[in-house]
Amino acid sequence: MSSPQQRLKNIKIAEQFNKLKEDNAFDVLEKFSSNDLKGISAVRNFIAHDYDSVDDSIIEDVLRINMPIIKAIVTKELDFS
């Protein structure tokens, strides 16, 4: 089940992607699909602005399905093993 801590982590991740955009780090951002980037921002905004009506099961599904994809891209780009 999604928890307030998971929601906050999701917000922090989205804010880091926003910082990359503000810093014109397009070489990093281009590694992600535009749908992933839009989705990260949309979920962040939904959690941040409509916190009380967030369906935790939806957030859990989003994290479970999409975070491994994002992690794989970041791991590959940062050359973590």
C-alpha atoms as a PDB file:
ATOM      1  CA  MET A   1       0.000   0.000   0.000  1.00  0.00           C
ATOM      2  CA  SER A   2       1.226   3.492  -0.795  1.00  0.00           C
ATOM      3  CA  SER A   3       2.180   5.500   2.237  1.00  0.00           C
ATOM      4  CA  PRO A   4       2.746   9.187   2.942  1.00  0.00           C
ATOM      5  CA  GLN A   5       6.488   8.472   2.758  1.00  0.00           C
ATOM      6  CA  GLN A   6       6.118   6.978  -0.707  1.00  0.00           C
ATOM      7  CA  ARG A   7       4.090   9.981  -1.798  1.00  0.00           C
ATOM      8  CA  LEU A   8       6.806  12.327  -0.550  1.00  0.00           C
ATOM      9  CA  LYS A   9       9.507  10.296  -2.321  1.00  0.00           C
ATOM     10  CA  ASN A  10       7.524  10.546  -5.532  1.00  0.00           C
ATOM     11  CA  ILE A  11       7.265  14.323  -5.104  1.00  0.00           C
ATOM     12  CA  LYS A  12      11.015  14.575  -4.460  1.00  0.00           C
ATOM     13  CA  ILE A  13      11.827  12.531  -7.554  1.00  0.00           C
ATOM     14  CA  ALA A  14       9.601  14.754  -9.680  1.00  0.00           C
ATOM     15  CA  GLU A  15      11.224  17.860  -8.238  1.00  0.00           C
ATOM     16  CA  GLN A  16      14.660  16.516  -9.179  1.00  0.00           C
ATOM     17  CA  PHE A  17      13.467  16.023 -12.752  1.00  0.00           C
ATOM     18  CA  ASN A  18      12.149  19.581 -12.690  1.00  0.00           C
ATOM     19  CA  LYS A  19      15.573  20.811 -11.545  1.00  0.00           C
ATOM     20  CA  LEU A  20      17.161  19.015 -14.485  1.00  0.00           C
ATOM     21  CA  LYS A  21      14.753  20.843 -16.786  1.00  0.00           C
ATOM     22  CA  GLU A  22      15.496  24.195 -15.142  1.00  0.00           C
ATOM     23  CA  ASP A  23      19.237  23.505 -15.465  1.00  0.00           C
ATOM     24  CA  ASN A  24      18.786  22.718 -19.173  1.00  0.00           C
ATOM     25  CA  ALA A  25      20.148  19.218 -18.608  1.00  0.00           C
ATOM     26  CA  PHE A  26      18.472  18.022 -21.767  1.00  0.00           C
ATOM     27  CA  ASP A  27      21.205  15.449 -22.395  1.00  0.00           C
ATOM     28  CA  VAL A  28      19.932  13.644 -19.284  1.00  0.00           C
ATOM     29  CA  LEU A  29      16.235  14.251 -19.862  1.00  0.00           C
ATOM     30  CA  GLU A  30      16.341  12.940 -23.430  1.00  0.00           C
ATOM     31  CA  LYS A  31      17.060   9.472 -22.031  1.00  0.00           C
ATOM     32  CA  PHE A  32      13.460   9.353 -20.774  1.00  0.00           C
ATOM     33  CA  SER A  33      10.361   9.231 -22.902  1.00  0.00           C
ATOM     34  CA  SER A  34       8.201  12.318 -22.984  1.00  0.00           C
ATOM     35  CA  ASN A  35       5.361  10.195 -21.578  1.00  0.00           C
ATOM     36  CA  ASP A  36       7.506   9.218 -18.582  1.00  0.00           C
ATOM     37  CA  LEU A  37       8.471  12.835 -17.935  1.00  0.00           C
ATOM     38  CA  LYS A  38       4.882  14.033 -18.259  1.00  0.00           C
ATOM     39  CA  GLY A  39       3.700  11.204 -16.029  1.00  0.00           C
ATOM     40  CA  ILE A  40       6.234  12.000 -13.310  1.00  0.00           C
ATOM     41  CA  SER A  41       5.088  15.608 -13.292  1.00  0.00           C
ATOM     42  CA  ALA A  42       1.395  14.721 -13.418  1.00  0.00           C
ATOM     43  CA  VAL A  43       1.592  12.278 -10.515  1.00  0.00           C
ATOM     44  CA  ARG A  44       3.576  14.794  -8.483  1.00  0.00           C
ATOM     45  CA  ASN A  45       1.016  17.510  -9.123  1.00  0.00           C
ATOM     46  CA  PHE A  46      -1.862  15.208  -8.316  1.00  0.00           C
ATOM     47  CA  ILE A  47      -0.300  14.155  -5.010  1.00  0.00           C
ATOM     48  CA  ALA A  48       0.767  17.671  -4.067  1.00  0.00           C
ATOM     49  CA  HIS A  49      -2.460  19.452  -4.939  1.00  0.00           C
ATOM     50  CA  ASP A  50      -5.134  16.845  -4.286  1.00  0.00           C
ATOM     51  CA  TYR A  51      -3.538  14.980  -1.413  1.00  0.00           C
ATOM     52  CA  ASP A  52      -6.723  14.046   0.451  1.00  0.00           C
ATOM     53  CA  SER A  53      -8.402  12.348  -2.489  1.00  0.00           C
ATOM     54  CA  VAL A  54      -5.379  10.416  -3.754  1.00  0.00           C
ATOM     55  CA  ASP A  55      -6.169   6.745  -4.309  1.00  0.00           C
ATOM     56  CA  ASP A  56      -3.216   4.948  -2.755  1.00  0.00           C
ATOM     57  CA  SER A  57      -3.735   1.857  -4.904  1.00  0.00           C
ATOM     58  CA  ILE A  58      -3.277   3.926  -8.071  1.00  0.00           C
ATOM     59  CA  ILE A  59      -0.098   5.538  -6.717  1.00  0.00           C
ATOM     60  CA  GLU A  60       1.164   2.091  -5.726  1.00  0.00           C
ATOM     61  CA  ASP A  61       0.518   0.780  -9.254  1.00  0.00           C
ATOM     62  CA  VAL A  62       2.255   3.774 -10.820  1.00  0.00           C
ATOM     63  CA  LEU A  63       5.299   3.275  -8.601  1.00  0.00           C
ATOM     64  CA  ARG A  64       5.434  -0.489  -9.039  1.00  0.00           C
ATOM     65  CA  ILE A  65       5.139  -0.322 -12.824  1.00  0.00           C
ATOM     66  CA  ASN A  66       7.111   2.817 -13.679  1.00  0.00           C
ATOM     67  CA  MET A  67       9.813   3.222 -11.072  1.00  0.00           C
ATOM     68  CA  PRO A  68      11.789   0.161 -12.250  1.00  0.00           C
ATOM     69  CA  ILE A  69      11.897   1.710 -15.734  1.00  0.00           C
ATOM     70  CA  ILE A  70      13.155   5.030 -14.387  1.00  0.00           C
ATOM     71  CA  LYS A  71      15.630   3.282 -12.090  1.00  0.00           C
ATOM     72  CA  ALA A  72      17.020   1.237 -14.986  1.00  0.00           C
ATOM     73  CA  ILE A  73      17.607   4.356 -17.088  1.00  0.00           C
ATOM     74  CA  VAL A  74      19.235   6.243 -14.212  1.00  0.00           C
ATOM     75  CA  THR A  75      21.393   3.223 -13.283  1.00  0.00           C
ATOM     76  CA  LYS A  76      22.526   2.811 -16.877  1.00  0.00           C
ATOM     77  CA  GLU A  77      23.294   6.496 -17.344  1.00  0.00           C
ATOM     78  CA  LEU A  78      25.166   6.785 -14.070  1.00  0.00           C
ATOM     79  CA  ASP A  79      26.903   3.450 -14.763  1.00  0.00           C
ATOM     80  CA  PHE A  80      25.849   1.882 -11.464  1.00  0.00           C
ATOM     81  CA  SER A  81      26.046  -1.872 -11.233  1.00  0.00           C
END
